[in-house]
Amino acid sequence: MNTETSAYIDDHFPQFEPELREELAEIAEIRNIPAGETLMRTGQNIRSTVLVAEGRLKLYREGHDEGEIFMYYLEPGSACALSMVCSQQQETSGVMLKAIEDSTVILIPVKYMENFMQRYKGWYNFVVETYRDRFEELLTLIDHIAFRAMDERLVYYLDNQREKLHTSKLHITHSEIATDLHSSREVISRLLKKLEQQGKVKLHRQYIEML
């Protein structure tokens, strides 16, 4: 048994049965992903289920015009929902998964997924809960895209960043925000300036401060 893998699993997935954690430690691979590196690309065959042990990753949906839109974060203790239901089929990814800070992931071969669903209630509950959480996040995303103006989407995005990153000082560029919201840098810069005039943010050279 790989003691490093076992420690990651015990620390971040204590809800799994002891037998499941032991089995995962035998078959899983630990991979360190540097910030900025892409772990999964659109159209790529899914060979492993991704569990996050450390760091933070972003999941994007890419468009036909090579643009992309931010969907949600994956944080320690969470998993990529798309990779959890693949078993023997040659499924391909419909999303891109990128590390936004140095991260450590646990990769589990997809061939074990169906077996785990049948044998372990802890895994079954984890999969169901993961899909429920992701579904709720996607509903929120659809609501903002379909029914809210870009300025409202920007405020929600910044609030979400503050909550997820646990800081009011957001080290993120206007271009990165524009990419995440599928907008242009010029539009985002104009809206941020408007928010600054309203006293909601303060724009610094290297970061955006939420007030």
N, C-alpha and C. Protein backbone atom coordinates (compact mmCIF):
# COMPACT_ATOMS: atom_id res chain seq x y z
N MET A 1 0.84 -1.20 0.00
CA MET A 1 0.00 0.00 0.00
C MET A 1 0.88 1.25 0.00
N ASN A 2 0.51 2.23 -0.81
CA ASN A 2 1.23 3.49 -0.86
C ASN A 2 0.79 4.35 0.33
N THR A 3 1.71 4.60 1.27
CA THR A 3 1.35 5.33 2.48
C THR A 3 0.97 6.77 2.20
N GLU A 4 1.61 7.40 1.18
CA GLU A 4 1.27 8.78 0.84
C GLU A 4 -0.16 8.84 0.32
N THR A 5 -0.50 7.93 -0.58
CA THR A 5 -1.85 7.89 -1.13
C THR A 5 -2.86 7.63 -0.02
N SER A 6 -2.55 6.70 0.84
CA SER A 6 -3.44 6.35 1.95
C SER A 6 -3.69 7.56 2.85
N ALA A 7 -2.64 8.34 3.12
CA ALA A 7 -2.77 9.52 3.98
C ALA A 7 -3.68 10.56 3.34
N TYR A 8 -3.51 10.81 2.03
CA TYR A 8 -4.37 11.76 1.33
C TYR A 8 -5.83 11.32 1.40
N ILE A 9 -6.08 10.06 1.15
CA ILE A 9 -7.45 9.54 1.14
C ILE A 9 -8.06 9.62 2.54
N ASP A 10 -7.31 9.24 3.56
CA ASP A 10 -7.82 9.29 4.93
C ASP A 10 -8.12 10.71 5.36
N ASP A 11 -7.29 11.66 4.94
CA ASP A 11 -7.46 13.05 5.36
C ASP A 11 -8.66 13.72 4.70
N HIS A 12 -8.84 13.47 3.40
CA HIS A 12 -9.83 14.23 2.64
C HIS A 12 -11.11 13.46 2.32
N PHE A 13 -11.09 12.14 2.51
CA PHE A 13 -12.28 11.35 2.21
C PHE A 13 -12.57 10.36 3.34
N PRO A 14 -12.70 10.88 4.57
CA PRO A 14 -12.92 10.00 5.73
C PRO A 14 -14.28 9.33 5.70
N GLN A 15 -15.19 9.81 4.85
CA GLN A 15 -16.53 9.22 4.78
C GLN A 15 -16.53 7.86 4.09
N PHE A 16 -15.45 7.52 3.41
CA PHE A 16 -15.38 6.22 2.75
C PHE A 16 -15.15 5.11 3.77
N GLU A 17 -15.69 3.94 3.50
CA GLU A 17 -15.47 2.78 4.37
C GLU A 17 -13.97 2.46 4.44
N PRO A 18 -13.50 1.94 5.57
CA PRO A 18 -12.07 1.58 5.69
C PRO A 18 -11.62 0.65 4.57
N GLU A 19 -12.47 -0.30 4.19
CA GLU A 19 -12.11 -1.23 3.12
C GLU A 19 -11.95 -0.51 1.79
N LEU A 20 -12.82 0.47 1.54
CA LEU A 20 -12.73 1.24 0.31
C LEU A 20 -11.47 2.09 0.30
N ARG A 21 -11.17 2.74 1.42
CA ARG A 21 -9.96 3.57 1.48
C ARG A 21 -8.71 2.72 1.27
N GLU A 22 -8.73 1.52 1.82
CA GLU A 22 -7.58 0.62 1.64
C GLU A 22 -7.45 0.21 0.18
N GLU A 23 -8.57 -0.08 -0.46
CA GLU A 23 -8.53 -0.48 -1.87
C GLU A 23 -8.10 0.67 -2.76
N LEU A 24 -8.58 1.87 -2.45
CA LEU A 24 -8.18 3.04 -3.23
C LEU A 24 -6.68 3.29 -3.13
N ALA A 25 -6.14 3.10 -1.93
CA ALA A 25 -4.71 3.32 -1.72
C ALA A 25 -3.87 2.35 -2.55
N GLU A 26 -4.44 1.20 -2.89
CA GLU A 26 -3.71 0.20 -3.68
C GLU A 26 -3.71 0.54 -5.16
N ILE A 27 -4.79 1.13 -5.66
CA ILE A 27 -4.94 1.29 -7.11
C ILE A 27 -4.78 2.73 -7.60
N ALA A 28 -4.87 3.70 -6.69
CA ALA A 28 -4.87 5.11 -7.10
C ALA A 28 -3.46 5.61 -7.40
N GLU A 29 -3.42 6.67 -8.19
CA GLU A 29 -2.17 7.36 -8.51
C GLU A 29 -2.24 8.79 -7.99
N ILE A 30 -1.20 9.24 -7.32
CA ILE A 30 -1.11 10.63 -6.88
C ILE A 30 -0.37 11.43 -7.94
N ARG A 31 -0.96 12.56 -8.34
CA ARG A 31 -0.31 13.40 -9.34
C ARG A 31 -0.31 14.84 -8.87
N ASN A 32 0.84 15.48 -8.96
CA ASN A 32 0.98 16.89 -8.62
C ASN A 32 0.81 17.72 -9.89
N ILE A 33 -0.08 18.71 -9.84
CA ILE A 33 -0.39 19.52 -11.01
C ILE A 33 0.03 20.97 -10.73
N PRO A 34 1.05 21.47 -11.43
CA PRO A 34 1.47 22.86 -11.21
C PRO A 34 0.37 23.84 -11.63
N ALA A 35 0.35 25.00 -10.99
CA ALA A 35 -0.62 26.04 -11.34
C ALA A 35 -0.51 26.37 -12.81
N GLY A 36 -1.65 26.47 -13.47
CA GLY A 36 -1.69 26.80 -14.90
C GLY A 36 -1.70 25.60 -15.82
N GLU A 37 -1.44 24.41 -15.28
CA GLU A 37 -1.40 23.21 -16.12
C GLU A 37 -2.81 22.64 -16.31
N THR A 38 -3.07 22.14 -17.50
CA THR A 38 -4.37 21.54 -17.82
C THR A 38 -4.32 20.04 -17.56
N LEU A 39 -5.23 19.56 -16.74
CA LEU A 39 -5.29 18.14 -16.40
C LEU A 39 -6.17 17.37 -17.38
N MET A 40 -7.25 18.00 -17.82
CA MET A 40 -8.19 17.33 -18.73
C MET A 40 -8.59 18.31 -19.82
N ARG A 41 -8.62 17.83 -21.06
CA ARG A 41 -9.00 18.67 -22.19
C ARG A 41 -10.26 18.17 -22.86
N THR A 42 -10.98 19.06 -23.51
CA THR A 42 -12.18 18.69 -24.25
C THR A 42 -11.83 17.69 -25.34
N GLY A 43 -12.60 16.60 -25.41
CA GLY A 43 -12.37 15.57 -26.41
C GLY A 43 -11.39 14.48 -25.99
N GLN A 44 -10.75 14.67 -24.85
CA GLN A 44 -9.78 13.70 -24.35
C GLN A 44 -10.50 12.50 -23.75
N ASN A 45 -9.98 11.29 -23.99
CA ASN A 45 -10.55 10.10 -23.38
C ASN A 45 -10.40 10.16 -21.87
N ILE A 46 -11.46 9.81 -21.15
CA ILE A 46 -11.43 9.81 -19.69
C ILE A 46 -10.97 8.44 -19.21
N ARG A 47 -9.80 8.40 -18.63
CA ARG A 47 -9.24 7.13 -18.15
C ARG A 47 -9.27 7.01 -16.63
N SER A 48 -9.42 8.15 -15.96
CA SER A 48 -9.37 8.13 -14.49
C SER A 48 -10.42 9.06 -13.91
N THR A 49 -10.94 8.68 -12.75
CA THR A 49 -11.77 9.57 -11.95
C THR A 49 -10.84 10.46 -11.14
N VAL A 50 -11.16 11.75 -11.08
CA VAL A 50 -10.29 12.74 -10.44
C VAL A 50 -10.86 13.15 -9.09
N LEU A 51 -10.11 12.87 -8.02
CA LEU A 51 -10.43 13.37 -6.69
C LEU A 51 -9.38 14.41 -6.32
N VAL A 52 -9.80 15.51 -5.71
CA VAL A 52 -8.87 16.58 -5.37
C VAL A 52 -8.42 16.44 -3.92
N ALA A 53 -7.10 16.41 -3.72
CA ALA A 53 -6.54 16.29 -2.38
C ALA A 53 -6.03 17.64 -1.87
N GLU A 54 -5.39 18.40 -2.75
CA GLU A 54 -4.85 19.71 -2.35
C GLU A 54 -4.99 20.68 -3.51
N GLY A 55 -5.05 21.98 -3.18
CA GLY A 55 -5.08 23.01 -4.21
C GLY A 55 -6.48 23.31 -4.70
N ARG A 56 -6.56 23.85 -5.91
CA ARG A 56 -7.85 24.25 -6.47
C ARG A 56 -7.76 24.19 -7.99
N LEU A 57 -8.79 23.63 -8.61
CA LEU A 57 -8.85 23.54 -10.07
C LEU A 57 -10.13 24.21 -10.57
N LYS A 58 -10.09 24.67 -11.81
CA LYS A 58 -11.25 25.28 -12.46
C LYS A 58 -11.74 24.38 -13.58
N LEU A 59 -13.05 24.27 -13.68
CA LEU A 59 -13.64 23.50 -14.76
C LEU A 59 -14.30 24.46 -15.74
N TYR A 60 -13.95 24.32 -17.02
CA TYR A 60 -14.44 25.19 -18.07
C TYR A 60 -15.21 24.39 -19.13
N ARG A 61 -16.15 25.06 -19.77
CA ARG A 61 -16.80 24.53 -20.96
C ARG A 61 -16.29 25.35 -22.14
N GLU A 62 -15.71 24.67 -23.14
CA GLU A 62 -15.17 25.36 -24.29
C GLU A 62 -16.20 25.45 -25.41
N GLY A 63 -16.21 26.58 -26.11
CA GLY A 63 -17.15 26.80 -27.20
C GLY A 63 -16.52 26.49 -28.55
N HIS A 64 -17.34 26.52 -29.58
CA HIS A 64 -16.86 26.22 -30.93
C HIS A 64 -15.94 27.32 -31.45
N ASP A 65 -16.06 28.53 -30.89
CA ASP A 65 -15.22 29.64 -31.33
C ASP A 65 -13.92 29.73 -30.54
N GLU A 66 -13.60 28.64 -29.84
CA GLU A 66 -12.38 28.53 -29.01
C GLU A 66 -12.46 29.36 -27.74
N GLY A 67 -13.61 29.99 -27.49
CA GLY A 67 -13.80 30.66 -26.22
C GLY A 67 -14.13 29.64 -25.14
N GLU A 68 -14.16 30.08 -23.91
CA GLU A 68 -14.46 29.17 -22.81
C GLU A 68 -15.22 29.94 -21.73
N ILE A 69 -15.98 29.20 -20.94
CA ILE A 69 -16.73 29.82 -19.85
C ILE A 69 -16.51 29.01 -18.58
N PHE A 70 -16.24 29.72 -17.50
CA PHE A 70 -16.00 29.09 -16.20
C PHE A 70 -17.30 28.47 -15.67
N MET A 71 -17.20 27.23 -15.17
CA MET A 71 -18.37 26.54 -14.65
C MET A 71 -18.34 26.47 -13.12
N TYR A 72 -17.30 25.86 -12.57
CA TYR A 72 -17.19 25.81 -11.11
C TYR A 72 -15.79 25.36 -10.70
N TYR A 73 -15.51 25.47 -9.40
CA TYR A 73 -14.23 25.05 -8.83
C TYR A 73 -14.29 23.60 -8.35
N LEU A 74 -13.13 22.98 -8.35
CA LEU A 74 -12.95 21.72 -7.65
C LEU A 74 -11.92 21.97 -6.55
N GLU A 75 -12.29 21.65 -5.31
CA GLU A 75 -11.46 21.93 -4.15
C GLU A 75 -11.17 20.63 -3.40
N PRO A 76 -10.26 20.66 -2.41
CA PRO A 76 -9.95 19.44 -1.65
C PRO A 76 -11.19 18.77 -1.09
N GLY A 77 -11.27 17.45 -1.31
CA GLY A 77 -12.42 16.69 -0.84
C GLY A 77 -13.51 16.55 -1.88
N SER A 78 -13.34 17.20 -3.04
CA SER A 78 -14.35 17.12 -4.10
C SER A 78 -13.83 16.27 -5.24
N ALA A 79 -14.69 16.06 -6.24
CA ALA A 79 -14.33 15.21 -7.38
C ALA A 79 -14.92 15.78 -8.66
N CYS A 80 -14.33 15.42 -9.78
CA CYS A 80 -14.87 15.78 -11.09
C CYS A 80 -16.03 14.84 -11.39
N ALA A 81 -17.25 15.39 -11.40
CA ALA A 81 -18.45 14.56 -11.58
C ALA A 81 -18.44 13.82 -12.90
N LEU A 82 -17.97 14.47 -13.96
CA LEU A 82 -17.98 13.85 -15.28
C LEU A 82 -17.20 12.55 -15.30
N SER A 83 -16.11 12.49 -14.54
CA SER A 83 -15.24 11.32 -14.58
C SER A 83 -15.71 10.19 -13.67
N MET A 84 -16.80 10.39 -12.95
CA MET A 84 -17.21 9.41 -11.95
C MET A 84 -18.17 8.35 -12.46
N VAL A 85 -18.79 8.59 -13.60
CA VAL A 85 -19.78 7.63 -14.09
C VAL A 85 -19.27 6.81 -15.26
N CYS A 86 -18.04 7.03 -15.67
CA CYS A 86 -17.47 6.25 -16.75
C CYS A 86 -17.00 4.89 -16.22
N SER A 87 -17.24 3.85 -16.98
CA SER A 87 -16.75 2.53 -16.57
C SER A 87 -15.96 1.92 -17.71
N GLN A 88 -16.58 1.05 -18.48
CA GLN A 88 -15.85 0.41 -19.56
C GLN A 88 -15.94 1.20 -20.87
N GLN A 89 -16.91 2.12 -20.97
CA GLN A 89 -17.09 2.86 -22.20
C GLN A 89 -15.92 3.83 -22.43
N GLN A 90 -15.65 4.07 -23.71
CA GLN A 90 -14.61 5.02 -24.06
C GLN A 90 -15.21 6.43 -24.09
N GLU A 91 -15.49 6.94 -22.89
CA GLU A 91 -16.09 8.27 -22.78
C GLU A 91 -15.03 9.35 -23.03
N THR A 92 -15.45 10.46 -23.61
CA THR A 92 -14.55 11.58 -23.81
C THR A 92 -15.04 12.78 -23.01
N SER A 93 -14.11 13.63 -22.66
CA SER A 93 -14.44 14.79 -21.83
C SER A 93 -15.12 15.87 -22.66
N GLY A 94 -16.14 16.50 -22.06
CA GLY A 94 -16.80 17.64 -22.69
C GLY A 94 -16.39 18.94 -22.05
N VAL A 95 -15.38 18.88 -21.18
CA VAL A 95 -14.94 20.07 -20.45
C VAL A 95 -13.41 20.11 -20.38
N MET A 96 -12.90 21.24 -19.91
CA MET A 96 -11.47 21.39 -19.65
C MET A 96 -11.27 21.62 -18.16
N LEU A 97 -10.28 20.95 -17.59
CA LEU A 97 -9.98 21.07 -16.16
C LEU A 97 -8.56 21.57 -16.00
N LYS A 98 -8.42 22.73 -15.33
CA LYS A 98 -7.12 23.39 -15.22
C LYS A 98 -6.84 23.76 -13.77
N ALA A 99 -5.59 23.55 -13.33
CA ALA A 99 -5.19 23.93 -11.98
C ALA A 99 -4.93 25.44 -11.94
N ILE A 100 -5.53 26.12 -10.95
CA ILE A 100 -5.28 27.56 -10.81
C ILE A 100 -4.28 27.83 -9.68
N GLU A 101 -3.92 26.80 -8.95
CA GLU A 101 -2.81 26.86 -8.00
C GLU A 101 -2.21 25.47 -7.94
N ASP A 102 -1.02 25.37 -7.40
CA ASP A 102 -0.38 24.05 -7.30
C ASP A 102 -1.33 23.08 -6.60
N SER A 103 -1.61 21.96 -7.24
CA SER A 103 -2.63 21.04 -6.74
C SER A 103 -2.14 19.60 -6.74
N THR A 104 -2.79 18.80 -5.93
CA THR A 104 -2.52 17.36 -5.88
C THR A 104 -3.84 16.63 -6.07
N VAL A 105 -3.87 15.72 -7.04
CA VAL A 105 -5.10 14.97 -7.31
C VAL A 105 -4.85 13.48 -7.15
N ILE A 106 -5.92 12.77 -6.86
CA ILE A 106 -5.90 11.31 -6.75
C ILE A 106 -6.63 10.77 -7.97
N LEU A 107 -5.94 9.99 -8.78
CA LEU A 107 -6.51 9.44 -10.01
C LEU A 107 -6.85 7.96 -9.81
N ILE A 108 -8.11 7.62 -10.07
CA ILE A 108 -8.58 6.25 -9.90
C ILE A 108 -9.03 5.72 -11.26
N PRO A 109 -8.48 4.62 -11.75
CA PRO A 109 -8.89 4.08 -13.06
C PRO A 109 -10.40 3.90 -13.15
N VAL A 110 -10.98 4.33 -14.27
CA VAL A 110 -12.44 4.31 -14.39
C VAL A 110 -13.02 2.89 -14.40
N LYS A 111 -12.20 1.90 -14.68
CA LYS A 111 -12.72 0.53 -14.74
C LYS A 111 -13.25 0.04 -13.40
N TYR A 112 -12.89 0.74 -12.30
CA TYR A 112 -13.35 0.33 -10.97
C TYR A 112 -14.67 1.01 -10.57
N MET A 113 -15.12 1.99 -11.34
CA MET A 113 -16.25 2.81 -10.90
C MET A 113 -17.53 2.01 -10.68
N GLU A 114 -17.91 1.19 -11.64
CA GLU A 114 -19.15 0.43 -11.52
C GLU A 114 -19.08 -0.53 -10.34
N ASN A 115 -17.93 -1.15 -10.15
CA ASN A 115 -17.75 -2.08 -9.05
C ASN A 115 -17.88 -1.37 -7.71
N PHE A 116 -17.29 -0.19 -7.58
CA PHE A 116 -17.37 0.57 -6.33
C PHE A 116 -18.81 0.99 -6.04
N MET A 117 -19.55 1.39 -7.07
CA MET A 117 -20.94 1.80 -6.89
C MET A 117 -21.77 0.67 -6.30
N GLN A 118 -21.47 -0.55 -6.70
CA GLN A 118 -22.24 -1.71 -6.25
C GLN A 118 -21.81 -2.19 -4.87
N ARG A 119 -20.54 -2.05 -4.55
CA ARG A 119 -20.01 -2.66 -3.33
C ARG A 119 -19.95 -1.71 -2.13
N TYR A 120 -19.81 -0.42 -2.38
CA TYR A 120 -19.56 0.50 -1.27
C TYR A 120 -20.62 1.60 -1.21
N LYS A 121 -21.35 1.63 -0.13
CA LYS A 121 -22.37 2.67 0.05
C LYS A 121 -21.72 4.04 0.17
N GLY A 122 -20.54 4.11 0.78
CA GLY A 122 -19.83 5.38 0.92
C GLY A 122 -19.51 5.99 -0.43
N TRP A 123 -19.08 5.17 -1.37
CA TRP A 123 -18.77 5.66 -2.71
C TRP A 123 -20.05 6.07 -3.44
N TYR A 124 -21.09 5.24 -3.32
CA TYR A 124 -22.37 5.54 -3.95
C TYR A 124 -22.91 6.89 -3.46
N ASN A 125 -22.88 7.11 -2.17
CA ASN A 125 -23.38 8.37 -1.61
C ASN A 125 -22.52 9.56 -2.06
N PHE A 126 -21.22 9.33 -2.15
CA PHE A 126 -20.30 10.38 -2.58
C PHE A 126 -20.59 10.79 -4.03
N VAL A 127 -20.83 9.82 -4.88
CA VAL A 127 -21.14 10.11 -6.29
C VAL A 127 -22.45 10.88 -6.39
N VAL A 128 -23.48 10.42 -5.69
CA VAL A 128 -24.78 11.09 -5.73
C VAL A 128 -24.67 12.51 -5.21
N GLU A 129 -23.97 12.70 -4.10
CA GLU A 129 -23.82 14.04 -3.52
C GLU A 129 -23.03 14.95 -4.45
N THR A 130 -22.00 14.41 -5.08
CA THR A 130 -21.20 15.19 -6.02
C THR A 130 -22.05 15.67 -7.18
N TYR A 131 -22.87 14.77 -7.73
CA TYR A 131 -23.72 15.16 -8.85
C TYR A 131 -24.79 16.17 -8.44
N ARG A 132 -25.32 16.03 -7.24
CA ARG A 132 -26.32 16.99 -6.76
C ARG A 132 -25.70 18.38 -6.63
N ASP A 133 -24.51 18.44 -6.02
CA ASP A 133 -23.85 19.72 -5.84
C ASP A 133 -23.51 20.37 -7.17
N ARG A 134 -22.99 19.59 -8.12
CA ARG A 134 -22.63 20.14 -9.42
C ARG A 134 -23.87 20.59 -10.19
N PHE A 135 -24.95 19.85 -10.05
CA PHE A 135 -26.19 20.22 -10.73
C PHE A 135 -26.69 21.56 -10.20
N GLU A 136 -26.64 21.76 -8.90
CA GLU A 136 -27.07 23.03 -8.32
C GLU A 136 -26.18 24.18 -8.79
N GLU A 137 -24.88 23.92 -8.89
CA GLU A 137 -23.96 24.96 -9.38
C GLU A 137 -24.26 25.31 -10.83
N LEU A 138 -24.57 24.30 -11.63
CA LEU A 138 -24.88 24.55 -13.03
C LEU A 138 -26.20 25.30 -13.19
N LEU A 139 -27.18 25.01 -12.34
CA LEU A 139 -28.43 25.76 -12.37
C LEU A 139 -28.18 27.23 -12.08
N THR A 140 -27.32 27.50 -11.10
CA THR A 140 -26.98 28.88 -10.77
C THR A 140 -26.28 29.55 -11.95
N LEU A 141 -25.38 28.81 -12.59
CA LEU A 141 -24.67 29.35 -13.75
C LEU A 141 -25.64 29.69 -14.88
N ILE A 142 -26.56 28.77 -15.17
CA ILE A 142 -27.55 29.00 -16.23
C ILE A 142 -28.42 30.21 -15.89
N ASP A 143 -28.81 30.31 -14.63
CA ASP A 143 -29.64 31.44 -14.18
C ASP A 143 -28.95 32.76 -14.45
N HIS A 144 -27.66 32.83 -14.16
CA HIS A 144 -26.93 34.08 -14.34
C HIS A 144 -26.71 34.40 -15.82
N ILE A 145 -26.43 33.37 -16.61
CA ILE A 145 -26.20 33.60 -18.03
C ILE A 145 -27.48 34.02 -18.73
N ALA A 146 -28.57 33.33 -18.40
CA ALA A 146 -29.82 33.54 -19.13
C ALA A 146 -30.62 34.75 -18.65
N PHE A 147 -30.55 35.04 -17.35
CA PHE A 147 -31.49 36.01 -16.80
C PHE A 147 -30.86 37.24 -16.17
N ARG A 148 -29.53 37.31 -16.15
CA ARG A 148 -28.91 38.44 -15.47
C ARG A 148 -27.97 39.19 -16.40
N ALA A 149 -27.88 40.51 -16.18
CA ALA A 149 -26.98 41.34 -16.98
C ALA A 149 -25.54 41.07 -16.55
N MET A 150 -24.60 41.48 -17.40
CA MET A 150 -23.19 41.19 -17.13
C MET A 150 -22.71 41.83 -15.83
N ASP A 151 -23.23 43.01 -15.46
CA ASP A 151 -22.77 43.63 -14.22
C ASP A 151 -23.19 42.80 -13.01
N GLU A 152 -24.39 42.20 -13.05
CA GLU A 152 -24.84 41.33 -11.97
C GLU A 152 -24.01 40.04 -11.92
N ARG A 153 -23.70 39.52 -13.10
CA ARG A 153 -22.87 38.31 -13.18
C ARG A 153 -21.47 38.58 -12.62
N LEU A 154 -20.95 39.76 -12.89
CA LEU A 154 -19.62 40.12 -12.40
C LEU A 154 -19.60 40.21 -10.88
N VAL A 155 -20.61 40.83 -10.29
CA VAL A 155 -20.68 40.93 -8.83
C VAL A 155 -20.77 39.55 -8.21
N TYR A 156 -21.63 38.71 -8.77
CA TYR A 156 -21.75 37.33 -8.25
C TYR A 156 -20.43 36.59 -8.38
N TYR A 157 -19.76 36.76 -9.50
CA TYR A 157 -18.47 36.11 -9.74
C TYR A 157 -17.44 36.54 -8.71
N LEU A 158 -17.35 37.84 -8.45
CA LEU A 158 -16.38 38.34 -7.48
C LEU A 158 -16.70 37.86 -6.07
N ASP A 159 -17.98 37.86 -5.71
CA ASP A 159 -18.38 37.36 -4.40
C ASP A 159 -18.03 35.88 -4.26
N ASN A 160 -18.23 35.13 -5.32
CA ASN A 160 -17.92 33.71 -5.31
C ASN A 160 -16.41 33.49 -5.18
N GLN A 161 -15.63 34.32 -5.86
CA GLN A 161 -14.17 34.24 -5.75
C GLN A 161 -13.72 34.51 -4.32
N ARG A 162 -14.30 35.55 -3.71
CA ARG A 162 -13.94 35.89 -2.34
C ARG A 162 -14.26 34.73 -1.38
N GLU A 163 -15.42 34.12 -1.59
CA GLU A 163 -15.83 33.02 -0.72
C GLU A 163 -14.93 31.80 -0.90
N LYS A 164 -14.64 31.46 -2.15
CA LYS A 164 -13.85 30.26 -2.43
C LYS A 164 -12.38 30.43 -2.05
N LEU A 165 -11.84 31.63 -2.28
CA LEU A 165 -10.43 31.87 -2.02
C LEU A 165 -10.15 32.35 -0.60
N HIS A 166 -11.23 32.65 0.14
CA HIS A 166 -11.12 33.08 1.54
C HIS A 166 -10.28 34.34 1.70
N THR A 167 -10.47 35.28 0.77
CA THR A 167 -9.76 36.55 0.86
C THR A 167 -10.54 37.62 0.10
N SER A 168 -10.44 38.87 0.57
CA SER A 168 -11.09 39.99 -0.12
C SER A 168 -10.15 40.60 -1.16
N LYS A 169 -8.89 40.16 -1.21
CA LYS A 169 -7.93 40.65 -2.19
C LYS A 169 -7.77 39.59 -3.28
N LEU A 170 -8.37 39.84 -4.41
CA LEU A 170 -8.42 38.86 -5.49
C LEU A 170 -7.33 39.15 -6.51
N HIS A 171 -6.32 38.29 -6.55
CA HIS A 171 -5.22 38.44 -7.49
C HIS A 171 -5.61 37.79 -8.81
N ILE A 172 -6.42 38.50 -9.56
CA ILE A 172 -6.93 38.00 -10.82
C ILE A 172 -7.01 39.17 -11.80
N THR A 173 -6.61 38.94 -13.03
CA THR A 173 -6.57 40.01 -14.02
C THR A 173 -7.94 40.22 -14.66
N HIS A 174 -8.10 41.38 -15.27
CA HIS A 174 -9.34 41.67 -15.99
C HIS A 174 -9.54 40.68 -17.13
N SER A 175 -8.43 40.28 -17.76
CA SER A 175 -8.51 39.32 -18.87
C SER A 175 -8.98 37.95 -18.38
N GLU A 176 -8.51 37.54 -17.21
CA GLU A 176 -8.94 36.25 -16.66
C GLU A 176 -10.43 36.26 -16.32
N ILE A 177 -10.90 37.37 -15.76
CA ILE A 177 -12.33 37.49 -15.46
C ILE A 177 -13.14 37.44 -16.76
N ALA A 178 -12.66 38.14 -17.78
CA ALA A 178 -13.35 38.16 -19.07
C ALA A 178 -13.45 36.75 -19.65
N THR A 179 -12.37 35.98 -19.51
CA THR A 179 -12.38 34.59 -20.00
C THR A 179 -13.40 33.77 -19.24
N ASP A 180 -13.40 33.89 -17.92
CA ASP A 180 -14.31 33.11 -17.08
C ASP A 180 -15.77 33.44 -17.37
N LEU A 181 -16.05 34.71 -17.68
CA LEU A 181 -17.43 35.14 -17.91
C LEU A 181 -17.78 35.20 -19.39
N HIS A 182 -16.85 34.76 -20.24
CA HIS A 182 -17.07 34.75 -21.69
C HIS A 182 -17.46 36.14 -22.18
N SER A 183 -16.65 37.09 -21.77
CA SER A 183 -16.88 38.48 -22.16
C SER A 183 -15.58 39.02 -22.73
N SER A 184 -15.48 40.35 -22.85
CA SER A 184 -14.25 40.98 -23.34
C SER A 184 -13.58 41.73 -22.20
N ARG A 185 -12.28 41.93 -22.32
CA ARG A 185 -11.54 42.63 -21.28
C ARG A 185 -12.06 44.06 -21.14
N GLU A 186 -12.40 44.70 -22.26
CA GLU A 186 -12.86 46.08 -22.23
C GLU A 186 -14.16 46.21 -21.44
N VAL A 187 -15.08 45.27 -21.65
CA VAL A 187 -16.36 45.30 -20.92
C VAL A 187 -16.12 45.11 -19.43
N ILE A 188 -15.28 44.13 -19.07
CA ILE A 188 -15.02 43.84 -17.66
C ILE A 188 -14.33 45.04 -16.99
N SER A 189 -13.37 45.64 -17.66
CA SER A 189 -12.67 46.80 -17.08
C SER A 189 -13.64 47.95 -16.84
N ARG A 190 -14.55 48.17 -17.79
CA ARG A 190 -15.53 49.24 -17.63
C ARG A 190 -16.47 48.98 -16.46
N LEU A 191 -16.92 47.73 -16.32
CA LEU A 191 -17.83 47.39 -15.23
C LEU A 191 -17.12 47.44 -13.88
N LEU A 192 -15.86 47.04 -13.84
CA LEU A 192 -15.10 47.12 -12.59
C LEU A 192 -14.92 48.57 -12.16
N LYS A 193 -14.67 49.43 -13.12
CA LYS A 193 -14.54 50.86 -12.81
C LYS A 193 -15.84 51.39 -12.24
N LYS A 194 -16.95 50.94 -12.80
CA LYS A 194 -18.27 51.35 -12.31
C LYS A 194 -18.49 50.87 -10.88
N LEU A 195 -18.07 49.62 -10.60
CA LEU A 195 -18.20 49.08 -9.24
C LEU A 195 -17.32 49.85 -8.26
N GLU A 196 -16.16 50.30 -8.73
CA GLU A 196 -15.28 51.09 -7.87
C GLU A 196 -15.94 52.43 -7.54
N GLN A 197 -16.56 53.04 -8.52
CA GLN A 197 -17.25 54.31 -8.29
C GLN A 197 -18.42 54.14 -7.32
N GLN A 198 -19.01 52.95 -7.29
CA GLN A 198 -20.12 52.66 -6.38
C GLN A 198 -19.63 52.26 -4.99
N GLY A 199 -18.31 52.15 -4.83
CA GLY A 199 -17.73 51.80 -3.53
C GLY A 199 -17.79 50.32 -3.20
N LYS A 200 -17.96 49.48 -4.22
CA LYS A 200 -18.06 48.03 -3.98
C LYS A 200 -16.71 47.33 -4.09
N VAL A 201 -15.80 47.90 -4.88
CA VAL A 201 -14.46 47.34 -5.02
C VAL A 201 -13.45 48.47 -5.07
N LYS A 202 -12.18 48.12 -4.86
CA LYS A 202 -11.09 49.07 -5.06
C LYS A 202 -10.09 48.38 -5.98
N LEU A 203 -9.75 49.05 -7.07
CA LEU A 203 -8.87 48.47 -8.08
C LEU A 203 -7.42 48.85 -7.79
N HIS A 204 -6.61 47.84 -7.53
CA HIS A 204 -5.17 48.04 -7.34
C HIS A 204 -4.44 47.53 -8.58
N ARG A 205 -3.16 47.78 -8.63
CA ARG A 205 -2.39 47.38 -9.81
C ARG A 205 -2.30 45.86 -9.94
N GLN A 206 -2.16 45.17 -8.81
CA GLN A 206 -1.95 43.72 -8.86
C GLN A 206 -3.16 42.91 -8.40
N TYR A 207 -4.19 43.57 -7.89
CA TYR A 207 -5.31 42.81 -7.39
C TYR A 207 -6.57 43.68 -7.30
N ILE A 208 -7.70 43.03 -7.10
CA ILE A 208 -8.99 43.70 -6.90
C ILE A 208 -9.38 43.48 -5.45
N GLU A 209 -9.68 44.55 -4.74
CA GLU A 209 -10.07 44.44 -3.34
C GLU A 209 -11.58 44.59 -3.21
N MET A 210 -12.20 43.59 -2.60
CA MET A 210 -13.64 43.63 -2.36
C MET A 210 -13.91 44.44 -1.09
N LEU A 211 -14.82 45.39 -1.16
CA LEU A 211 -15.12 46.25 -0.02
C LEU A 211 -16.46 45.85 0.60
